[in-house]
């Protein structure tokens, strides 16, 4: 006789749901939203998902606030994204909007965003001159030929990476 090798779905089995959730977390850290989505796709009942998430939260396997802080720190270090670019990445992780806003407010200053912008421009081959003698003047100036078109090109590049307009103004104009 033929044996079925597919796993039998038990949408109301709390133990199987917990095992699946722990398996997913063993692969990589996940947010509560990501875990819920995966479990819904697997066919678990909403009540089972909620009980599993609550159990994992109580055991400190799930912590969206800590996840957001770590993820933000990694994005600041290794990716050249501005405020809105980072916000988009955090939203893709299914984090609550209020948590995203609070994490960004506490964890990404305009000075840090400015440094990330400088890092991006240096990486792309633009000459960035620091001039921090006076806060009323721009932080950086560029040695460019066709100043207007080139500045607009740079501004558009920064905008596409999610930088705030006041940061772009300090970097370019």
N, C-alpha and C. Protein backbone atom coordinates (compact mmCIF):
# COMPACT_ATOMS: atom_id res chain seq x y z
N UNK A 1 0.82 -1.18 0.00
CA UNK A 1 0.00 0.00 0.00
C UNK A 1 0.87 1.25 0.00
N UNK A 2 0.27 2.35 -0.39
CA UNK A 2 0.99 3.62 -0.45
C UNK A 2 0.88 4.35 0.87
N UNK A 3 2.00 4.91 1.28
CA UNK A 3 2.03 5.74 2.48
C UNK A 3 2.07 7.20 2.07
N UNK A 4 1.31 8.00 2.75
CA UNK A 4 1.38 9.43 2.46
C UNK A 4 2.52 10.02 3.29
N UNK A 5 3.39 10.74 2.60
CA UNK A 5 4.53 11.34 3.30
C UNK A 5 4.25 12.77 3.75
N UNK A 6 3.13 13.32 3.31
CA UNK A 6 2.84 14.70 3.72
C UNK A 6 2.39 14.72 5.17
N UNK A 7 2.74 15.80 5.83
CA UNK A 7 2.36 15.95 7.23
C UNK A 7 0.86 16.19 7.33
N UNK A 8 0.25 15.54 8.30
CA UNK A 8 -1.17 15.76 8.50
C UNK A 8 -1.35 17.10 9.20
N UNK A 9 -2.29 17.87 8.71
CA UNK A 9 -2.53 19.19 9.28
C UNK A 9 -3.43 19.05 10.50
N UNK A 10 -2.99 19.61 11.57
CA UNK A 10 -3.77 19.64 12.79
C UNK A 10 -3.87 21.08 13.25
N UNK A 11 -4.82 21.82 12.69
CA UNK A 11 -4.91 23.26 12.97
C UNK A 11 -5.23 23.60 14.42
N UNK A 12 -5.70 22.62 15.20
CA UNK A 12 -6.05 22.90 16.58
C UNK A 12 -5.07 22.27 17.59
N UNK A 13 -3.97 21.70 17.11
CA UNK A 13 -3.00 21.05 17.98
C UNK A 13 -2.00 22.09 18.48
N UNK A 14 -2.12 22.42 19.75
CA UNK A 14 -1.29 23.45 20.37
C UNK A 14 0.18 23.03 20.43
N UNK A 15 0.44 21.76 20.71
CA UNK A 15 1.82 21.29 20.80
C UNK A 15 2.52 21.35 19.44
N UNK A 16 1.83 20.93 18.39
CA UNK A 16 2.42 20.99 17.04
C UNK A 16 2.67 22.44 16.62
N UNK A 17 1.75 23.31 16.98
CA UNK A 17 1.91 24.73 16.65
C UNK A 17 3.13 25.30 17.37
N UNK A 18 3.30 24.94 18.62
CA UNK A 18 4.45 25.42 19.38
C UNK A 18 5.75 24.89 18.78
N UNK A 19 5.77 23.61 18.44
CA UNK A 19 6.97 23.01 17.83
C UNK A 19 7.31 23.71 16.51
N UNK A 20 6.29 24.01 15.71
CA UNK A 20 6.51 24.69 14.44
C UNK A 20 7.06 26.09 14.67
N UNK A 21 6.50 26.79 15.64
CA UNK A 21 6.95 28.15 15.94
C UNK A 21 8.40 28.14 16.43
N UNK A 22 8.75 27.20 17.29
CA UNK A 22 10.13 27.10 17.78
C UNK A 22 11.07 26.75 16.63
N UNK A 23 10.62 25.89 15.73
CA UNK A 23 11.42 25.57 14.55
C UNK A 23 11.69 26.82 13.73
N UNK A 24 10.64 27.63 13.49
CA UNK A 24 10.82 28.87 12.72
C UNK A 24 11.80 29.82 13.41
N UNK A 25 11.70 29.91 14.73
CA UNK A 25 12.59 30.79 15.47
C UNK A 25 14.02 30.25 15.53
N UNK A 26 14.17 28.95 15.37
CA UNK A 26 15.52 28.38 15.35
C UNK A 26 16.25 28.72 14.05
N UNK A 27 15.48 28.98 12.99
CA UNK A 27 16.08 29.35 11.72
C UNK A 27 16.61 30.77 11.76
N UNK A 28 15.81 31.69 12.32
CA UNK A 28 16.21 33.08 12.50
C UNK A 28 15.20 33.76 13.42
N UNK A 29 15.62 34.88 14.00
CA UNK A 29 14.69 35.66 14.83
C UNK A 29 13.55 36.18 13.96
N UNK A 30 12.39 36.26 14.53
CA UNK A 30 11.22 36.75 13.81
C UNK A 30 10.42 37.66 14.72
N UNK A 31 9.63 38.52 14.09
CA UNK A 31 8.72 39.36 14.86
C UNK A 31 7.44 38.56 15.11
N UNK A 32 6.63 39.09 15.99
CA UNK A 32 5.35 38.44 16.28
C UNK A 32 4.49 38.41 15.02
N UNK A 33 4.48 39.51 14.27
CA UNK A 33 3.71 39.58 13.03
C UNK A 33 4.16 38.55 12.00
N UNK A 34 5.47 38.40 11.85
CA UNK A 34 5.99 37.42 10.89
C UNK A 34 5.61 36.00 11.31
N UNK A 35 5.73 35.72 12.61
CA UNK A 35 5.40 34.39 13.11
C UNK A 35 3.92 34.08 12.92
N UNK A 36 3.07 35.05 13.23
CA UNK A 36 1.63 34.87 13.02
C UNK A 36 1.32 34.56 11.56
N UNK A 37 1.94 35.33 10.67
CA UNK A 37 1.69 35.15 9.24
C UNK A 37 2.09 33.74 8.78
N UNK A 38 3.26 33.28 9.22
CA UNK A 38 3.73 31.94 8.85
C UNK A 38 2.78 30.86 9.38
N UNK A 39 2.33 31.05 10.59
CA UNK A 39 1.44 30.05 11.19
C UNK A 39 0.07 30.07 10.53
N UNK A 40 -0.41 31.24 10.13
CA UNK A 40 -1.68 31.32 9.41
C UNK A 40 -1.58 30.60 8.08
N UNK A 41 -0.47 30.80 7.37
CA UNK A 41 -0.27 30.12 6.09
C UNK A 41 -0.21 28.61 6.26
N UNK A 42 0.27 28.18 7.42
CA UNK A 42 0.37 26.75 7.72
C UNK A 42 -1.00 26.16 8.06
N UNK A 43 -1.97 27.05 8.38
CA UNK A 43 -3.33 26.59 8.61
C UNK A 43 -3.76 26.47 10.06
N UNK A 44 -2.98 27.02 10.98
CA UNK A 44 -3.36 26.94 12.39
C UNK A 44 -4.50 27.91 12.69
N UNK A 45 -5.33 27.52 13.63
CA UNK A 45 -6.45 28.35 14.05
C UNK A 45 -5.95 29.61 14.77
N UNK A 46 -6.68 30.71 14.63
CA UNK A 46 -6.26 31.96 15.29
C UNK A 46 -6.07 31.82 16.81
N UNK A 47 -6.92 31.06 17.47
CA UNK A 47 -6.79 30.89 18.92
C UNK A 47 -5.52 30.13 19.28
N UNK A 48 -5.16 29.14 18.46
CA UNK A 48 -3.94 28.37 18.67
C UNK A 48 -2.72 29.26 18.43
N UNK A 49 -2.79 30.07 17.41
CA UNK A 49 -1.69 30.99 17.11
C UNK A 49 -1.48 31.96 18.27
N UNK A 50 -2.56 32.53 18.77
CA UNK A 50 -2.46 33.49 19.87
C UNK A 50 -1.88 32.85 21.13
N UNK A 51 -2.32 31.64 21.44
CA UNK A 51 -1.79 30.94 22.63
C UNK A 51 -0.30 30.64 22.46
N UNK A 52 0.08 30.23 21.26
CA UNK A 52 1.48 29.93 20.98
C UNK A 52 2.34 31.18 21.08
N UNK A 53 1.87 32.27 20.49
CA UNK A 53 2.61 33.53 20.54
C UNK A 53 2.74 34.01 21.98
N UNK A 54 1.68 33.92 22.74
CA UNK A 54 1.72 34.35 24.14
C UNK A 54 2.72 33.51 24.94
N UNK A 55 2.72 32.20 24.71
CA UNK A 55 3.66 31.32 25.40
C UNK A 55 5.11 31.68 25.06
N UNK A 56 5.38 31.91 23.78
CA UNK A 56 6.73 32.26 23.35
C UNK A 56 7.14 33.63 23.87
N UNK A 57 6.18 34.56 23.96
CA UNK A 57 6.46 35.88 24.52
C UNK A 57 6.80 35.77 26.01
N UNK A 58 6.04 34.96 26.73
CA UNK A 58 6.31 34.76 28.16
C UNK A 58 7.68 34.12 28.39
N UNK A 59 8.08 33.26 27.47
CA UNK A 59 9.39 32.60 27.57
C UNK A 59 10.52 33.47 27.03
N UNK A 60 10.17 34.66 26.58
CA UNK A 60 11.11 35.65 26.05
C UNK A 60 11.79 35.20 24.74
N UNK A 61 11.11 34.35 23.99
CA UNK A 61 11.59 34.00 22.65
C UNK A 61 11.14 35.03 21.63
N UNK A 62 10.11 35.77 21.95
CA UNK A 62 9.60 36.83 21.07
C UNK A 62 9.62 38.15 21.83
N UNK A 63 10.20 39.17 21.22
CA UNK A 63 10.22 40.50 21.80
C UNK A 63 10.40 41.50 20.66
N UNK A 64 9.30 42.05 20.19
CA UNK A 64 9.33 42.96 19.04
C UNK A 64 10.17 44.21 19.31
N UNK A 65 10.12 44.73 20.52
CA UNK A 65 10.88 45.94 20.84
C UNK A 65 12.37 45.67 20.69
N UNK A 66 12.83 44.60 21.26
CA UNK A 66 14.26 44.25 21.18
C UNK A 66 14.64 43.93 19.74
N UNK A 67 13.77 43.23 19.03
CA UNK A 67 14.03 42.91 17.63
C UNK A 67 14.20 44.19 16.82
N UNK A 68 13.31 45.15 17.03
CA UNK A 68 13.37 46.41 16.29
C UNK A 68 14.67 47.17 16.58
N UNK A 69 15.10 47.17 17.83
CA UNK A 69 16.34 47.86 18.19
C UNK A 69 17.55 47.21 17.51
N UNK A 70 17.61 45.90 17.54
CA UNK A 70 18.73 45.18 16.92
C UNK A 70 18.71 45.38 15.40
N UNK A 71 17.53 45.27 14.82
CA UNK A 71 17.39 45.42 13.37
C UNK A 71 17.78 46.83 12.93
N UNK A 72 17.35 47.84 13.69
CA UNK A 72 17.71 49.23 13.40
C UNK A 72 19.22 49.42 13.48
N UNK A 73 19.84 48.88 14.51
CA UNK A 73 21.28 49.01 14.67
C UNK A 73 22.01 48.38 13.48
N UNK A 74 21.57 47.22 13.04
CA UNK A 74 22.19 46.56 11.89
C UNK A 74 21.99 47.36 10.60
N UNK A 75 20.81 47.91 10.42
CA UNK A 75 20.55 48.72 9.23
C UNK A 75 21.43 49.97 9.22
N UNK A 76 21.60 50.60 10.37
CA UNK A 76 22.44 51.80 10.45
C UNK A 76 23.89 51.47 10.12
N UNK A 77 24.35 50.32 10.57
CA UNK A 77 25.75 49.94 10.36
C UNK A 77 26.05 49.46 8.95
N UNK A 78 25.16 48.64 8.41
CA UNK A 78 25.51 47.91 7.20
C UNK A 78 24.74 48.31 5.95
N UNK A 79 23.72 49.13 6.09
CA UNK A 79 22.94 49.56 4.93
C UNK A 79 22.96 51.08 4.86
N UNK A 80 22.95 51.60 3.69
CA UNK A 80 22.97 53.05 3.51
C UNK A 80 21.56 53.55 3.23
N UNK A 81 20.73 53.50 4.26
CA UNK A 81 19.34 53.92 4.15
C UNK A 81 19.08 55.09 5.08
N UNK A 82 18.18 55.97 4.64
CA UNK A 82 17.74 57.08 5.47
C UNK A 82 16.57 56.68 6.34
N UNK A 83 16.00 57.66 7.00
CA UNK A 83 14.89 57.45 7.93
C UNK A 83 13.74 56.65 7.31
N UNK A 84 13.26 57.11 6.15
CA UNK A 84 12.10 56.46 5.54
C UNK A 84 12.46 55.10 4.95
N UNK A 85 13.68 54.94 4.50
CA UNK A 85 14.13 53.63 4.01
C UNK A 85 14.17 52.60 5.14
N UNK A 86 14.66 53.04 6.29
CA UNK A 86 14.70 52.16 7.46
C UNK A 86 13.29 51.87 7.95
N UNK A 87 12.44 52.90 7.94
CA UNK A 87 11.05 52.72 8.37
C UNK A 87 10.35 51.67 7.50
N UNK A 88 10.60 51.73 6.20
CA UNK A 88 10.00 50.75 5.28
C UNK A 88 10.47 49.34 5.61
N UNK A 89 11.76 49.18 5.88
CA UNK A 89 12.30 47.85 6.24
C UNK A 89 11.66 47.33 7.52
N UNK A 90 11.47 48.21 8.50
CA UNK A 90 10.84 47.80 9.76
C UNK A 90 9.37 47.42 9.53
N UNK A 91 8.69 48.14 8.65
CA UNK A 91 7.30 47.82 8.35
C UNK A 91 7.19 46.47 7.65
N UNK A 92 8.17 46.14 6.82
CA UNK A 92 8.16 44.84 6.14
C UNK A 92 8.30 43.69 7.13
N UNK A 93 8.82 43.97 8.30
CA UNK A 93 8.97 42.95 9.34
C UNK A 93 7.71 42.78 10.18
N UNK A 94 6.63 43.44 9.75
CA UNK A 94 5.32 43.32 10.41
C UNK A 94 5.34 43.81 11.86
N UNK A 95 6.12 44.86 12.10
CA UNK A 95 6.15 45.46 13.43
C UNK A 95 5.04 46.49 13.55
N UNK A 96 4.50 46.69 14.75
CA UNK A 96 3.45 47.71 14.94
C UNK A 96 3.99 49.11 14.65
N UNK A 97 3.16 49.95 14.05
CA UNK A 97 3.57 51.30 13.65
C UNK A 97 4.05 52.15 14.83
N UNK A 98 3.37 52.06 15.97
CA UNK A 98 3.79 52.87 17.12
C UNK A 98 5.18 52.44 17.61
N UNK A 99 5.47 51.15 17.55
CA UNK A 99 6.79 50.65 17.94
C UNK A 99 7.86 51.12 16.95
N UNK A 100 7.53 51.12 15.67
CA UNK A 100 8.47 51.60 14.65
C UNK A 100 8.80 53.06 14.89
N UNK A 101 7.77 53.88 15.09
CA UNK A 101 7.97 55.31 15.30
C UNK A 101 8.82 55.58 16.55
N UNK A 102 8.52 54.87 17.63
CA UNK A 102 9.26 55.07 18.87
C UNK A 102 10.72 54.62 18.72
N UNK A 103 10.94 53.49 18.05
CA UNK A 103 12.29 52.99 17.84
C UNK A 103 13.11 53.96 17.00
N UNK A 104 12.51 54.49 15.94
CA UNK A 104 13.22 55.44 15.09
C UNK A 104 13.49 56.76 15.82
N UNK A 105 12.53 57.21 16.60
CA UNK A 105 12.70 58.45 17.35
C UNK A 105 13.86 58.34 18.34
N UNK A 106 13.95 57.19 18.99
CA UNK A 106 14.98 56.99 20.01
C UNK A 106 16.32 56.54 19.41
N UNK A 107 16.26 55.85 18.27
CA UNK A 107 17.47 55.20 17.79
C UNK A 107 18.13 55.78 16.55
N UNK A 108 17.52 56.79 15.92
CA UNK A 108 18.11 57.36 14.70
C UNK A 108 18.01 58.88 14.75
N UNK A 109 19.11 59.51 15.11
CA UNK A 109 19.14 60.97 15.14
C UNK A 109 19.43 61.51 13.74
N UNK A 110 19.18 62.78 13.55
CA UNK A 110 19.48 63.40 12.25
C UNK A 110 20.97 63.40 11.98
N UNK A 111 21.78 63.51 13.03
CA UNK A 111 23.23 63.47 12.86
C UNK A 111 23.67 62.10 12.34
N UNK A 112 23.07 61.03 12.90
CA UNK A 112 23.40 59.68 12.42
C UNK A 112 22.96 59.50 10.97
N UNK A 113 21.78 60.01 10.65
CA UNK A 113 21.29 59.92 9.28
C UNK A 113 22.21 60.68 8.33
N UNK A 114 22.71 61.82 8.79
CA UNK A 114 23.65 62.61 7.99
C UNK A 114 24.93 61.83 7.73
N UNK A 115 25.43 61.15 8.75
CA UNK A 115 26.64 60.33 8.60
C UNK A 115 26.40 59.17 7.63
N UNK A 116 25.23 58.58 7.70
CA UNK A 116 24.90 57.50 6.77
C UNK A 116 24.85 58.04 5.35
N UNK A 117 24.28 59.22 5.18
CA UNK A 117 24.24 59.86 3.87
C UNK A 117 25.62 60.14 3.33
N UNK A 118 26.51 60.64 4.19
CA UNK A 118 27.89 60.89 3.77
C UNK A 118 28.56 59.59 3.36
N UNK A 119 28.32 58.55 4.14
CA UNK A 119 28.91 57.24 3.83
C UNK A 119 28.44 56.74 2.46
N UNK A 120 27.15 56.93 2.18
CA UNK A 120 26.59 56.51 0.89
C UNK A 120 27.24 57.29 -0.25
N UNK A 121 27.34 58.60 -0.09
CA UNK A 121 27.91 59.43 -1.15
C UNK A 121 29.39 59.12 -1.38
N UNK A 122 30.12 58.89 -0.30
CA UNK A 122 31.53 58.51 -0.45
C UNK A 122 31.65 57.18 -1.18
N UNK A 123 30.78 56.25 -0.82
CA UNK A 123 30.81 54.93 -1.46
C UNK A 123 30.54 55.04 -2.96
N UNK A 124 29.68 55.97 -3.34
CA UNK A 124 29.33 56.13 -4.75
C UNK A 124 30.28 57.06 -5.49
N UNK A 125 31.35 57.48 -4.81
CA UNK A 125 32.40 58.21 -5.49
C UNK A 125 32.30 59.72 -5.49
N UNK A 126 31.42 60.28 -4.67
CA UNK A 126 31.30 61.73 -4.59
C UNK A 126 32.26 62.26 -3.53
N UNK A 127 32.88 63.40 -3.82
CA UNK A 127 33.79 64.02 -2.85
C UNK A 127 32.96 64.75 -1.81
N UNK A 128 33.08 64.33 -0.57
CA UNK A 128 32.33 64.93 0.53
C UNK A 128 33.30 65.68 1.41
N UNK A 129 33.11 66.98 1.51
CA UNK A 129 33.97 67.81 2.36
C UNK A 129 33.20 68.19 3.61
N UNK A 130 33.75 67.85 4.75
CA UNK A 130 33.11 68.20 6.01
C UNK A 130 33.38 69.67 6.32
N UNK A 131 32.33 70.36 6.72
CA UNK A 131 32.48 71.76 7.15
C UNK A 131 31.50 72.00 8.28
N UNK A 132 31.90 71.61 9.48
CA UNK A 132 31.01 71.70 10.64
C UNK A 132 31.34 72.90 11.52
N UNK A 133 31.92 73.95 10.94
CA UNK A 133 32.28 75.12 11.73
C UNK A 133 31.05 75.91 12.16
N UNK A 134 30.02 75.93 11.31
CA UNK A 134 28.83 76.73 11.58
C UNK A 134 27.61 75.89 11.26
N UNK A 135 26.67 75.81 12.19
CA UNK A 135 25.47 75.00 11.96
C UNK A 135 24.53 75.60 10.93
N UNK A 136 24.69 76.87 10.61
CA UNK A 136 23.81 77.51 9.63
C UNK A 136 24.20 77.17 8.20
N UNK A 137 25.39 76.68 7.99
CA UNK A 137 25.80 76.33 6.63
C UNK A 137 25.64 74.82 6.43
N UNK A 138 25.74 74.40 5.20
CA UNK A 138 25.56 72.97 4.92
C UNK A 138 26.71 72.18 5.50
N UNK A 139 26.43 70.93 5.85
CA UNK A 139 27.44 70.07 6.42
C UNK A 139 28.46 69.61 5.38
N UNK A 140 28.04 69.50 4.14
CA UNK A 140 28.92 69.00 3.11
C UNK A 140 28.75 69.82 1.85
N UNK A 141 29.83 69.92 1.09
CA UNK A 141 29.73 70.56 -0.21
C UNK A 141 30.43 69.65 -1.21
N UNK A 142 30.11 69.82 -2.48
CA UNK A 142 30.62 68.92 -3.49
C UNK A 142 31.38 69.68 -4.55
N UNK A 143 32.42 69.07 -5.04
CA UNK A 143 33.24 69.65 -6.08
C UNK A 143 32.73 69.08 -7.40
N UNK A 144 31.71 69.73 -7.99
CA UNK A 144 31.06 69.20 -9.18
C UNK A 144 31.12 70.19 -10.33
N UNK A 145 31.10 69.66 -11.55
CA UNK A 145 31.11 70.51 -12.73
C UNK A 145 29.78 71.15 -12.99
N UNK A 146 28.82 70.39 -13.48
CA UNK A 146 27.47 70.91 -13.72
C UNK A 146 26.72 70.84 -12.40
N UNK A 147 26.90 71.86 -11.61
CA UNK A 147 26.42 71.85 -10.23
C UNK A 147 24.92 71.57 -10.10
N UNK A 148 24.10 72.27 -10.86
CA UNK A 148 22.65 72.13 -10.70
C UNK A 148 22.14 70.73 -11.00
N UNK A 149 22.48 70.21 -12.16
CA UNK A 149 22.01 68.88 -12.55
C UNK A 149 22.59 67.80 -11.65
N UNK A 150 23.85 67.95 -11.32
CA UNK A 150 24.51 66.94 -10.50
C UNK A 150 23.94 66.94 -9.08
N UNK A 151 23.69 68.13 -8.55
CA UNK A 151 23.09 68.21 -7.21
C UNK A 151 21.70 67.58 -7.19
N UNK A 152 20.94 67.81 -8.26
CA UNK A 152 19.60 67.23 -8.33
C UNK A 152 19.68 65.71 -8.42
N UNK A 153 20.65 65.21 -9.16
CA UNK A 153 20.86 63.77 -9.29
C UNK A 153 21.20 63.15 -7.94
N UNK A 154 22.08 63.82 -7.21
CA UNK A 154 22.47 63.34 -5.88
C UNK A 154 21.27 63.38 -4.93
N UNK A 155 20.52 64.47 -4.98
CA UNK A 155 19.35 64.61 -4.12
C UNK A 155 18.33 63.52 -4.41
N UNK A 156 18.11 63.22 -5.68
CA UNK A 156 17.17 62.16 -6.04
C UNK A 156 17.66 60.80 -5.56
N UNK A 157 18.97 60.58 -5.64
CA UNK A 157 19.55 59.32 -5.17
C UNK A 157 19.32 59.17 -3.67
N UNK A 158 19.57 60.23 -2.93
CA UNK A 158 19.36 60.19 -1.48
C UNK A 158 17.88 60.00 -1.15
N UNK A 159 17.02 60.67 -1.90
CA UNK A 159 15.58 60.54 -1.67
C UNK A 159 15.12 59.10 -1.93
N UNK A 160 15.67 58.48 -2.97
CA UNK A 160 15.28 57.11 -3.28
C UNK A 160 15.72 56.12 -2.20
N UNK A 161 16.73 56.51 -1.41
CA UNK A 161 17.20 55.66 -0.32
C UNK A 161 16.50 55.99 1.00
N UNK A 162 15.54 56.92 0.96
CA UNK A 162 14.71 57.19 2.13
C UNK A 162 15.22 58.25 3.07
N UNK A 163 16.08 59.14 2.61
CA UNK A 163 16.57 60.20 3.47
C UNK A 163 15.55 61.33 3.57
N UNK A 164 15.49 61.96 4.74
CA UNK A 164 14.59 63.08 4.96
C UNK A 164 15.08 64.29 4.19
N UNK A 165 14.15 65.16 3.80
CA UNK A 165 14.48 66.31 2.95
C UNK A 165 15.45 67.28 3.62
N UNK A 166 15.34 67.50 4.91
CA UNK A 166 16.27 68.41 5.57
C UNK A 166 17.69 67.85 5.63
N UNK A 167 17.81 66.53 5.71
CA UNK A 167 19.12 65.89 5.68
C UNK A 167 19.72 66.00 4.28
N UNK A 168 18.87 65.78 3.26
CA UNK A 168 19.32 65.91 1.87
C UNK A 168 19.80 67.34 1.62
N UNK A 169 19.06 68.31 2.13
CA UNK A 169 19.44 69.72 1.93
C UNK A 169 20.80 70.01 2.56
N UNK A 170 21.05 69.46 3.73
CA UNK A 170 22.35 69.69 4.37
C UNK A 170 23.49 69.00 3.63
N UNK A 171 23.19 67.87 3.02
CA UNK A 171 24.23 67.13 2.29
C UNK A 171 24.53 67.71 0.92
N UNK A 172 23.51 68.23 0.25
CA UNK A 172 23.66 68.59 -1.16
C UNK A 172 23.72 70.08 -1.42
N UNK A 173 22.80 70.84 -0.84
CA UNK A 173 22.68 72.25 -1.24
C UNK A 173 23.41 73.19 -0.32
